[in-house]
Amino acid sequence: MPPRLALVAGSGDLPARILDACRAAGRPCFVIALEGHADPALVADAPHAWVRLGAAASAVDRLKAERIEEVVLAGAVRRPSVAELRPDLRTLRFLTGVARHAGGDDALLGAVVRAVEAEGFRVVPAESLVRDIALPAGVAGRHGVPDDARADMARGIAVVRALGAVDVGQGAVVQQGIVLAVEAAEGTDALLARAATLRRDGPGGVLVKMTKPGQESRVDRPTIGPRTVAAAAAAGLRGIAAEAQATFVIDRRTTVADADASGLFLVGIVTGGEG
């Protein structure tokens, strides 16, 4: 028997992919659905509990009551204010400890993982549960990278590496050498919406997504999917370049098909350049 598993679910499509994979494998999975973040449809037919983001004690107690051994954390979570959190005592102690160490999302997520494991659970990565989720190196689909887009890709890689070094974001949009937008707390969809308002005449830009140095890869990976492709096409981009093997692709077949239909290239890049 595999260890008893729980999914702590935020928003987006990844939690559903994980739950579907568990069902296909016949592995029971208990869901901790984060209020205000998880999709109610996710837990319609799954054993679950709704938990406030600030109610860590309630979540831990329920996981222990369910005799959970492994935990996978998946989905986006908007960082709330302390007032919105209404933290219980356990959450408040956690926040007090985090406040001593300045940092961005990766520092926070690393602290979350350590706190979960301190309660006796093992945090496992999504790729241990979902097959073929990582973007392979090289071009996916039928559209190659135009020669004049490679300079935008290279500039995007340099910008995202600089962002990651200070734990800010994982993405940037570059068009004709101009950085139109960079990702911070708002996420990729908002990044692309902003880039759409700043687009220039001429060949479209490129979205680049990469991991941060030292990133806690079990809970935070660059992620793309059909929604990313649709938003990139709406922003007038020519393509998406994301770090190979480190980027999750939600529904790869649909993502690639949509990129093909939209005339976008999709490429997995390796350290130092294009795959």
C-alpha atoms as a PDB file:
ATOM      1  CA  MET A   1       0.000   0.000   0.000  1.00  0.00           C
ATOM      2  CA  PRO A   2       1.358   3.455  -0.892  1.00  0.00           C
ATOM      3  CA  PRO A   3       1.568   6.035   1.890  1.00  0.00           C
ATOM      4  CA  ARG A   4      -1.634   7.913   2.612  1.00  0.00           C
ATOM      5  CA  LEU A   5      -1.626  11.085   0.520  1.00  0.00           C
ATOM      6  CA  ALA A   6      -3.153  14.533   0.883  1.00  0.00           C
ATOM      7  CA  LEU A   7      -3.361  17.279  -1.724  1.00  0.00           C
ATOM      8  CA  VAL A   8      -3.269  20.839  -0.430  1.00  0.00           C
ATOM      9  CA  ALA A   9      -5.005  22.631  -3.303  1.00  0.00           C
ATOM     10  CA  GLY A  10      -4.849  26.230  -4.441  1.00  0.00           C
ATOM     11  CA  SER A  11      -6.174  27.599  -7.724  1.00  0.00           C
ATOM     12  CA  GLY A  12      -5.357  26.653 -11.300  1.00  0.00           C
ATOM     13  CA  ASP A  13      -5.404  23.391 -13.211  1.00  0.00           C
ATOM     14  CA  LEU A  14      -2.573  21.475 -11.539  1.00  0.00           C
ATOM     15  CA  PRO A  15      -4.565  20.240  -8.506  1.00  0.00           C
ATOM     16  CA  ALA A  16      -7.109  18.621 -10.831  1.00  0.00           C
ATOM     17  CA  ARG A  17      -4.339  16.935 -12.824  1.00  0.00           C
ATOM     18  CA  ILE A  18      -2.915  15.480  -9.623  1.00  0.00           C
ATOM     19  CA  LEU A  19      -6.281  14.251  -8.409  1.00  0.00           C
ATOM     20  CA  ASP A  20      -7.031  12.685 -11.810  1.00  0.00           C
ATOM     21  CA  ALA A  21      -3.645  10.927 -11.761  1.00  0.00           C
ATOM     22  CA  CYS A  22      -4.338   9.526  -8.298  1.00  0.00           C
ATOM     23  CA  ARG A  23      -7.722   8.243  -9.409  1.00  0.00           C
ATOM     24  CA  ALA A  24      -6.221   6.635 -12.509  1.00  0.00           C
ATOM     25  CA  ALA A  25      -3.626   4.905 -10.339  1.00  0.00           C
ATOM     26  CA  GLY A  26      -6.236   3.811  -7.811  1.00  0.00           C
ATOM     27  CA  ARG A  27      -4.526   5.787  -5.073  1.00  0.00           C
ATOM     28  CA  PRO A  28      -6.808   7.456  -2.511  1.00  0.00           C
ATOM     29  CA  CYS A  29      -6.163  11.155  -2.012  1.00  0.00           C
ATOM     30  CA  PHE A  30      -7.608  13.447   0.641  1.00  0.00           C
ATOM     31  CA  VAL A  31      -7.905  17.123  -0.375  1.00  0.00           C
ATOM     32  CA  ILE A  32      -7.303  20.132   1.821  1.00  0.00           C
ATOM     33  CA  ALA A  33      -9.068  22.775  -0.281  1.00  0.00           C
ATOM     34  CA  LEU A  34      -7.922  26.306   0.508  1.00  0.00           C
ATOM     35  CA  GLU A  35     -10.883  28.648   0.861  1.00  0.00           C
ATOM     36  CA  GLY A  36     -10.918  31.404  -1.716  1.00  0.00           C
ATOM     37  CA  HIS A  37      -8.382  29.609  -3.880  1.00  0.00           C
ATOM     38  CA  ALA A  38      -9.367  26.024  -4.731  1.00  0.00           C
ATOM     39  CA  ASP A  39     -12.075  25.359  -7.300  1.00  0.00           C
ATOM     40  CA  PRO A  40     -15.196  23.850  -5.644  1.00  0.00           C
ATOM     41  CA  ALA A  41     -15.556  21.542  -8.658  1.00  0.00           C
ATOM     42  CA  LEU A  42     -12.229  19.952  -7.731  1.00  0.00           C
ATOM     43  CA  VAL A  43     -13.616  18.360  -4.588  1.00  0.00           C
ATOM     44  CA  ALA A  44     -17.120  17.575  -5.804  1.00  0.00           C
ATOM     45  CA  ASP A  45     -16.411  13.828  -5.738  1.00  0.00           C
ATOM     46  CA  ALA A  46     -13.344  13.720  -3.505  1.00  0.00           C
ATOM     47  CA  PRO A  47     -12.942  13.314   0.248  1.00  0.00           C
ATOM     48  CA  HIS A  48     -11.971  16.774   1.411  1.00  0.00           C
ATOM     49  CA  ALA A  49     -12.021  19.550   3.956  1.00  0.00           C
ATOM     50  CA  TRP A  50     -12.201  23.271   3.308  1.00  0.00           C
ATOM     51  CA  VAL A  51      -9.628  25.199   5.326  1.00  0.00           C
ATOM     52  CA  ARG A  52      -8.872  28.896   5.644  1.00  0.00           C
ATOM     53  CA  LEU A  53      -5.356  29.869   4.687  1.00  0.00           C
ATOM     54  CA  GLY A  54      -4.815  31.217   8.206  1.00  0.00           C
ATOM     55  CA  ALA A  55      -6.071  28.085   9.953  1.00  0.00           C
ATOM     56  CA  ALA A  56      -2.921  25.979  10.002  1.00  0.00           C
ATOM     57  CA  ALA A  57      -3.903  24.184  13.197  1.00  0.00           C
ATOM     58  CA  SER A  58      -7.167  23.005  11.661  1.00  0.00           C
ATOM     59  CA  ALA A  59      -5.386  21.729   8.551  1.00  0.00           C
ATOM     60  CA  VAL A  60      -2.702  19.877  10.512  1.00  0.00           C
ATOM     61  CA  ASP A  61      -5.238  18.336  12.873  1.00  0.00           C
ATOM     62  CA  ARG A  62      -7.337  17.088   9.962  1.00  0.00           C
ATOM     63  CA  LEU A  63      -4.311  15.624   8.172  1.00  0.00           C
ATOM     64  CA  LYS A  64      -3.331  13.756  11.315  1.00  0.00           C
ATOM     65  CA  ALA A  65      -6.896  12.556  11.835  1.00  0.00           C
ATOM     66  CA  GLU A  66      -6.816  11.161   8.283  1.00  0.00           C
ATOM     67  CA  ARG A  67      -3.462   9.458   9.077  1.00  0.00           C
ATOM     68  CA  ILE A  68      -1.798  11.250   6.168  1.00  0.00           C
ATOM     69  CA  GLU A  69       1.866  10.460   5.540  1.00  0.00           C
ATOM     70  CA  GLU A  70       2.642  12.352   2.311  1.00  0.00           C
ATOM     71  CA  VAL A  71       1.517  15.808   1.219  1.00  0.00           C
ATOM     72  CA  VAL A  72       1.618  17.428  -2.218  1.00  0.00           C
ATOM     73  CA  LEU A  73       1.080  21.183  -2.428  1.00  0.00           C
ATOM     74  CA  ALA A  74      -0.240  22.421  -5.766  1.00  0.00           C
ATOM     75  CA  GLY A  75      -1.954  25.422  -7.253  1.00  0.00           C
ATOM     76  CA  ALA A  76      -1.564  29.159  -6.999  1.00  0.00           C
ATOM     77  CA  VAL A  77      -2.237  30.979  -3.741  1.00  0.00           C
ATOM     78  CA  ARG A  78      -2.553  34.738  -3.620  1.00  0.00           C
ATOM     79  CA  ARG A  79      -0.530  36.061  -0.703  1.00  0.00           C
ATOM     80  CA  PRO A  80      -3.039  37.741   1.653  1.00  0.00           C
ATOM     81  CA  SER A  81      -2.514  40.444   4.237  1.00  0.00           C
ATOM     82  CA  VAL A  82      -2.314  39.447   7.900  1.00  0.00           C
ATOM     83  CA  ALA A  83      -5.737  41.039   8.398  1.00  0.00           C
ATOM     84  CA  GLU A  84      -7.223  38.815   5.667  1.00  0.00           C
ATOM     85  CA  LEU A  85      -5.545  35.742   7.132  1.00  0.00           C
ATOM     86  CA  ARG A  86      -7.058  36.053  10.630  1.00  0.00           C
ATOM     87  CA  PRO A  87      -4.262  33.661  11.670  1.00  0.00           C
ATOM     88  CA  ASP A  88      -4.712  31.094  14.393  1.00  0.00           C
ATOM     89  CA  LEU A  89      -1.929  30.697  16.961  1.00  0.00           C
ATOM     90  CA  ARG A  90       0.010  28.134  14.928  1.00  0.00           C
ATOM     91  CA  THR A  91      -0.132  30.272  11.787  1.00  0.00           C
ATOM     92  CA  LEU A  92       0.861  33.358  13.759  1.00  0.00           C
ATOM     93  CA  ARG A  93       3.929  31.590  15.135  1.00  0.00           C
ATOM     94  CA  PHE A  94       4.852  30.537  11.616  1.00  0.00           C
ATOM     95  CA  LEU A  95       4.455  34.075  10.267  1.00  0.00           C
ATOM     96  CA  THR A  96       6.522  35.463  13.114  1.00  0.00           C
ATOM     97  CA  GLY A  97       9.340  33.085  12.225  1.00  0.00           C
ATOM     98  CA  VAL A  98       9.131  33.926   8.510  1.00  0.00           C
ATOM     99  CA  ALA A  99       9.163  37.658   9.244  1.00  0.00           C
ATOM    100  CA  ARG A 100      12.662  37.334  10.688  1.00  0.00           C
ATOM    101  CA  HIS A 101      13.946  36.348   7.246  1.00  0.00           C
ATOM    102  CA  ALA A 102      13.164  38.773   4.422  1.00  0.00           C
ATOM    103  CA  GLY A 103      12.429  37.211   1.067  1.00  0.00           C
ATOM    104  CA  GLY A 104       9.955  36.625  -1.725  1.00  0.00           C
ATOM    105  CA  ASP A 105       7.686  33.738  -2.590  1.00  0.00           C
ATOM    106  CA  ASP A 106      10.451  31.141  -2.723  1.00  0.00           C
ATOM    107  CA  ALA A 107      11.632  32.008   0.789  1.00  0.00           C
ATOM    108  CA  LEU A 108       8.046  31.766   2.012  1.00  0.00           C
ATOM    109  CA  LEU A 109       7.363  28.466   0.250  1.00  0.00           C
ATOM    110  CA  GLY A 110      10.572  26.990   1.596  1.00  0.00           C
ATOM    111  CA  ALA A 111       9.411  27.923   5.085  1.00  0.00           C
ATOM    112  CA  VAL A 112       6.016  26.332   4.409  1.00  0.00           C
ATOM    113  CA  VAL A 113       7.670  23.063   3.360  1.00  0.00           C
ATOM    114  CA  ARG A 114       9.831  23.024   6.475  1.00  0.00           C
ATOM    115  CA  ALA A 115       6.784  23.692   8.664  1.00  0.00           C
ATOM    116  CA  VAL A 116       4.804  20.869   7.041  1.00  0.00           C
ATOM    117  CA  GLU A 117       7.669  18.416   7.432  1.00  0.00           C
ATOM    118  CA  ALA A 118       8.165  19.487  11.046  1.00  0.00           C
ATOM    119  CA  GLU A 119       4.659  18.140  11.676  1.00  0.00           C
ATOM    120  CA  GLY A 120       5.786  14.693  10.521  1.00  0.00           C
ATOM    121  CA  PHE A 121       4.582  14.707   6.901  1.00  0.00           C
ATOM    122  CA  ARG A 122       6.705  14.142   3.768  1.00  0.00           C
ATOM    123  CA  VAL A 123       6.264  16.770   1.060  1.00  0.00           C
ATOM    124  CA  VAL A 124       6.361  15.136  -2.382  1.00  0.00           C
ATOM    125  CA  PRO A 125       6.612  16.842  -5.811  1.00  0.00           C
ATOM    126  CA  ALA A 126       3.768  16.817  -8.319  1.00  0.00           C
ATOM    127  CA  GLU A 127       5.895  15.036 -10.920  1.00  0.00           C
ATOM    128  CA  SER A 128       6.087  11.997  -8.665  1.00  0.00           C
ATOM    129  CA  LEU A 129       2.316  11.632  -9.137  1.00  0.00           C
ATOM    130  CA  VAL A 130       1.615  12.951 -12.658  1.00  0.00           C
ATOM    131  CA  ARG A 131       3.363  11.418 -15.663  1.00  0.00           C
ATOM    132  CA  ASP A 132       4.721  13.461 -18.591  1.00  0.00           C
ATOM    133  CA  ILE A 133       4.102  16.807 -16.927  1.00  0.00           C
ATOM    134  CA  ALA A 134       7.551  18.324 -17.506  1.00  0.00           C
ATOM    135  CA  LEU A 135       8.285  20.258 -20.703  1.00  0.00           C
ATOM    136  CA  PRO A 136      10.960  18.434 -22.744  1.00  0.00           C
ATOM    137  CA  ALA A 137      13.887  20.220 -24.353  1.00  0.00           C
ATOM    138  CA  GLY A 138      13.449  21.476 -27.882  1.00  0.00           C
ATOM    139  CA  VAL A 139      10.544  22.619 -30.016  1.00  0.00           C
ATOM    140  CA  ALA A 140       7.118  21.209 -29.227  1.00  0.00           C
ATOM    141  CA  GLY A 141       4.614  21.415 -32.031  1.00  0.00           C
ATOM    142  CA  ARG A 142       5.077  22.422 -35.627  1.00  0.00           C
ATOM    143  CA  HIS A 143       6.317  26.009 -35.299  1.00  0.00           C
ATOM    144  CA  GLY A 144      10.051  26.523 -34.986  1.00  0.00           C
ATOM    145  CA  VAL A 145      11.722  29.535 -33.396  1.00  0.00           C
ATOM    146  CA  PRO A 146      12.226  32.322 -35.991  1.00  0.00           C
ATOM    147  CA  ASP A 147      15.802  33.542 -36.199  1.00  0.00           C
ATOM    148  CA  ASP A 148      14.818  37.078 -35.256  1.00  0.00           C
ATOM    149  CA  ALA A 149      13.055  35.833 -32.102  1.00  0.00           C
ATOM    150  CA  ARG A 150      16.214  34.289 -30.651  1.00  0.00           C
ATOM    151  CA  ALA A 151      17.549  37.627 -29.441  1.00  0.00           C
ATOM    152  CA  ASP A 152      14.288  38.236 -27.559  1.00  0.00           C
ATOM    153  CA  MET A 153      14.577  34.776 -26.026  1.00  0.00           C
ATOM    154  CA  ALA A 154      18.150  35.418 -24.931  1.00  0.00           C
ATOM    155  CA  ARG A 155      17.210  38.760 -23.394  1.00  0.00           C
ATOM    156  CA  GLY A 156      14.237  37.196 -21.650  1.00  0.00           C
ATOM    157  CA  ILE A 157      16.451  34.469 -20.173  1.00  0.00           C
ATOM    158  CA  ALA A 158      18.854  37.093 -18.801  1.00  0.00           C
ATOM    159  CA  VAL A 159      16.006  39.142 -17.326  1.00  0.00           C
ATOM    160  CA  VAL A 160      14.294  36.176 -15.663  1.00  0.00           C
ATOM    161  CA  ARG A 161      17.589  34.949 -14.223  1.00  0.00           C
ATOM    162  CA  ALA A 162      18.108  38.401 -12.694  1.00  0.00           C
ATOM    163  CA  LEU A 163      14.568  38.372 -11.280  1.00  0.00           C
ATOM    164  CA  GLY A 164      15.051  34.901  -9.864  1.00  0.00           C
ATOM    165  CA  ALA A 165      18.331  35.812  -8.202  1.00  0.00           C
ATOM    166  CA  VAL A 166      16.435  38.256  -5.974  1.00  0.00           C
ATOM    167  CA  ASP A 167      13.400  35.938  -5.561  1.00  0.00           C
ATOM    168  CA  VAL A 168      10.977  38.134  -7.518  1.00  0.00           C
ATOM    169  CA  GLY A 169       9.435  36.222 -10.405  1.00  0.00           C
ATOM    170  CA  GLN A 170       9.687  33.493 -13.024  1.00  0.00           C
ATOM    171  CA  GLY A 171       8.664  35.202 -16.253  1.00  0.00           C
ATOM    172  CA  ALA A 172       9.142  38.114 -18.626  1.00  0.00           C
ATOM    173  CA  VAL A 173       7.861  39.245 -22.011  1.00  0.00           C
ATOM    174  CA  VAL A 174      10.376  40.705 -24.473  1.00  0.00           C
ATOM    175  CA  GLN A 175       9.531  42.191 -27.871  1.00  0.00           C
ATOM    176  CA  GLN A 176      12.159  43.447 -30.309  1.00  0.00           C
ATOM    177  CA  GLY A 177      14.655  43.702 -27.466  1.00  0.00           C
ATOM    178  CA  ILE A 178      12.298  45.719 -25.247  1.00  0.00           C
ATOM    179  CA  VAL A 179      11.219  44.209 -21.926  1.00  0.00           C
ATOM    180  CA  LEU A 180       7.461  44.792 -21.991  1.00  0.00           C
ATOM    181  CA  ALA A 181       6.653  43.241 -18.626  1.00  0.00           C
ATOM    182  CA  VAL A 182       8.130  41.134 -15.850  1.00  0.00           C
ATOM    183  CA  GLU A 183       6.355  38.794 -13.461  1.00  0.00           C
ATOM    184  CA  ALA A 184       6.141  39.583  -9.757  1.00  0.00           C
ATOM    185  CA  ALA A 185       3.281  38.667  -7.426  1.00  0.00           C
ATOM    186  CA  GLU A 186       0.514  38.935 -10.024  1.00  0.00           C
ATOM    187  CA  GLY A 187       1.218  35.709 -11.942  1.00  0.00           C
ATOM    188  CA  THR A 188       1.566  34.844 -15.616  1.00  0.00           C
ATOM    189  CA  ASP A 189      -1.992  35.624 -16.739  1.00  0.00           C
ATOM    190  CA  ALA A 190      -1.755  39.183 -15.397  1.00  0.00           C
ATOM    191  CA  LEU A 191       1.762  39.517 -16.827  1.00  0.00           C
ATOM    192  CA  LEU A 192       0.469  38.665 -20.299  1.00  0.00           C
ATOM    193  CA  ALA A 193      -2.539  40.954 -19.944  1.00  0.00           C
ATOM    194  CA  ARG A 194      -0.202  43.827 -19.091  1.00  0.00           C
ATOM    195  CA  ALA A 195       2.128  42.971 -21.962  1.00  0.00           C
ATOM    196  CA  ALA A 196      -0.844  43.108 -24.337  1.00  0.00           C
ATOM    197  CA  THR A 197      -1.357  46.782 -23.490  1.00  0.00           C
ATOM    198  CA  LEU A 198       2.320  47.557 -24.187  1.00  0.00           C
ATOM    199  CA  ARG A 199       2.874  45.645 -27.415  1.00  0.00           C
ATOM    200  CA  ARG A 200       4.658  47.401 -30.256  1.00  0.00           C
ATOM    201  CA  ASP A 201       4.060  47.283 -33.997  1.00  0.00           C
ATOM    202  CA  GLY A 202       6.001  44.622 -35.869  1.00  0.00           C
ATOM    203  CA  PRO A 203       6.998  41.062 -34.926  1.00  0.00           C
ATOM    204  CA  GLY A 204       5.444  39.919 -31.656  1.00  0.00           C
ATOM    205  CA  GLY A 205       7.239  39.240 -28.418  1.00  0.00           C
ATOM    206  CA  VAL A 206       8.261  36.125 -26.521  1.00  0.00           C
ATOM    207  CA  LEU A 207       7.219  34.903 -23.084  1.00  0.00           C
ATOM    208  CA  VAL A 208      10.138  33.370 -21.162  1.00  0.00           C
ATOM    209  CA  LYS A 209       9.579  31.355 -17.984  1.00  0.00           C
ATOM    210  CA  MET A 210      12.328  29.821 -15.842  1.00  0.00           C
ATOM    211  CA  THR A 211      12.937  28.591 -12.311  1.00  0.00           C
ATOM    212  CA  LYS A 212      14.692  30.688  -9.689  1.00  0.00           C
ATOM    213  CA  PRO A 213      18.122  29.708  -8.340  1.00  0.00           C
ATOM    214  CA  GLY A 214      17.692  27.457  -5.311  1.00  0.00           C
ATOM    215  CA  GLN A 215      13.926  27.309  -5.802  1.00  0.00           C
ATOM    216  CA  GLU A 216      11.882  24.887  -3.662  1.00  0.00           C
ATOM    217  CA  SER A 217      10.975  22.709  -6.618  1.00  0.00           C
ATOM    218  CA  ARG A 218       8.553  20.472  -4.728  1.00  0.00           C
ATOM    219  CA  VAL A 219       5.978  23.227  -4.421  1.00  0.00           C
ATOM    220  CA  ASP A 220       6.776  25.943  -6.964  1.00  0.00           C
ATOM    221  CA  ARG A 221       7.459  25.336 -10.644  1.00  0.00           C
ATOM    222  CA  PRO A 222       6.929  27.518 -13.692  1.00  0.00           C
ATOM    223  CA  THR A 223       3.678  26.283 -15.219  1.00  0.00           C
ATOM    224  CA  ILE A 224       2.079  26.752 -18.610  1.00  0.00           C
ATOM    225  CA  GLY A 225      -1.051  25.364 -20.190  1.00  0.00           C
ATOM    226  CA  PRO A 226      -3.876  26.127 -22.606  1.00  0.00           C
ATOM    227  CA  ARG A 227      -4.735  29.325 -20.704  1.00  0.00           C
ATOM    228  CA  THR A 228      -1.148  30.523 -21.098  1.00  0.00           C
ATOM    229  CA  VAL A 229      -1.266  29.890 -24.829  1.00  0.00           C
ATOM    230  CA  ALA A 230      -4.578  31.722 -25.189  1.00  0.00           C
ATOM    231  CA  ALA A 231      -3.292  34.705 -23.201  1.00  0.00           C
ATOM    232  CA  ALA A 232      -0.016  34.765 -25.157  1.00  0.00           C
ATOM    233  CA  ALA A 233      -1.902  34.737 -28.466  1.00  0.00           C
ATOM    234  CA  ALA A 234      -4.218  37.509 -27.244  1.00  0.00           C
ATOM    235  CA  ALA A 235      -1.137  39.552 -26.308  1.00  0.00           C
ATOM    236  CA  GLY A 236       0.185  39.241 -29.863  1.00  0.00           C
ATOM    237  CA  LEU A 237       3.203  37.122 -28.906  1.00  0.00           C
ATOM    238  CA  ARG A 238       5.073  34.870 -31.308  1.00  0.00           C
ATOM    239  CA  GLY A 239       6.015  32.195 -28.868  1.00  0.00           C
ATOM    240  CA  ILE A 240       6.665  30.779 -25.421  1.00  0.00           C
ATOM    241  CA  ALA A 241      10.083  29.645 -24.225  1.00  0.00           C
ATOM    242  CA  ALA A 242      10.194  27.823 -20.887  1.00  0.00           C
ATOM    243  CA  GLU A 243      12.890  25.966 -18.992  1.00  0.00           C
ATOM    244  CA  ALA A 244      13.006  22.344 -20.103  1.00  0.00           C
ATOM    245  CA  GLN A 245      12.346  19.621 -17.506  1.00  0.00           C
ATOM    246  CA  ALA A 246      11.684  22.287 -14.865  1.00  0.00           C
ATOM    247  CA  THR A 247       8.421  23.692 -16.298  1.00  0.00           C
ATOM    248  CA  PHE A 248       5.106  21.922 -15.828  1.00  0.00           C
ATOM    249  CA  VAL A 249       2.783  21.702 -18.830  1.00  0.00           C
ATOM    250  CA  ILE A 250      -0.879  21.276 -17.957  1.00  0.00           C
ATOM    251  CA  ASP A 251      -2.531  19.052 -20.583  1.00  0.00           C
ATOM    252  CA  ARG A 252       0.436  18.902 -22.939  1.00  0.00           C
ATOM    253  CA  ARG A 253      -1.508  17.632 -25.943  1.00  0.00           C
ATOM    254  CA  THR A 254      -4.024  20.481 -25.812  1.00  0.00           C
ATOM    255  CA  THR A 255      -1.342  23.051 -25.016  1.00  0.00           C
ATOM    256  CA  VAL A 256       0.740  22.079 -28.037  1.00  0.00           C
ATOM    257  CA  ALA A 257      -2.306  21.834 -30.301  1.00  0.00           C
ATOM    258  CA  ASP A 258      -3.499  25.268 -29.225  1.00  0.00           C
ATOM    259  CA  ALA A 259      -0.029  26.742 -29.788  1.00  0.00           C
ATOM    260  CA  ASP A 260       0.023  25.225 -33.269  1.00  0.00           C
ATOM    261  CA  ALA A 261      -3.443  26.590 -34.059  1.00  0.00           C
ATOM    262  CA  SER A 262      -2.463  30.044 -32.777  1.00  0.00           C
ATOM    263  CA  GLY A 263       0.769  30.146 -34.771  1.00  0.00           C
ATOM    264  CA  LEU A 264       2.896  30.243 -31.615  1.00  0.00           C
ATOM    265  CA  PHE A 265       6.167  28.406 -31.138  1.00  0.00           C
ATOM    266  CA  LEU A 266       6.607  26.514 -27.887  1.00  0.00           C
ATOM    267  CA  VAL A 267      10.145  25.561 -26.940  1.00  0.00           C
ATOM    268  CA  GLY A 268      11.843  23.962 -23.944  1.00  0.00           C
ATOM    269  CA  ILE A 269      15.092  25.811 -23.237  1.00  0.00           C
ATOM    270  CA  VAL A 270      18.100  24.480 -21.375  1.00  0.00           C
ATOM    271  CA  THR A 271      20.574  26.374 -19.244  1.00  0.00           C
ATOM    272  CA  GLY A 272      22.584  28.638 -21.487  1.00  0.00           C
ATOM    273  CA  GLY A 273      20.151  28.810 -24.359  1.00  0.00           C
ATOM    274  CA  GLU A 274      17.586  27.023 -26.477  1.00  0.00           C
ATOM    275  CA  GLY A 275      16.929  23.301 -26.501  1.00  0.00           C
END
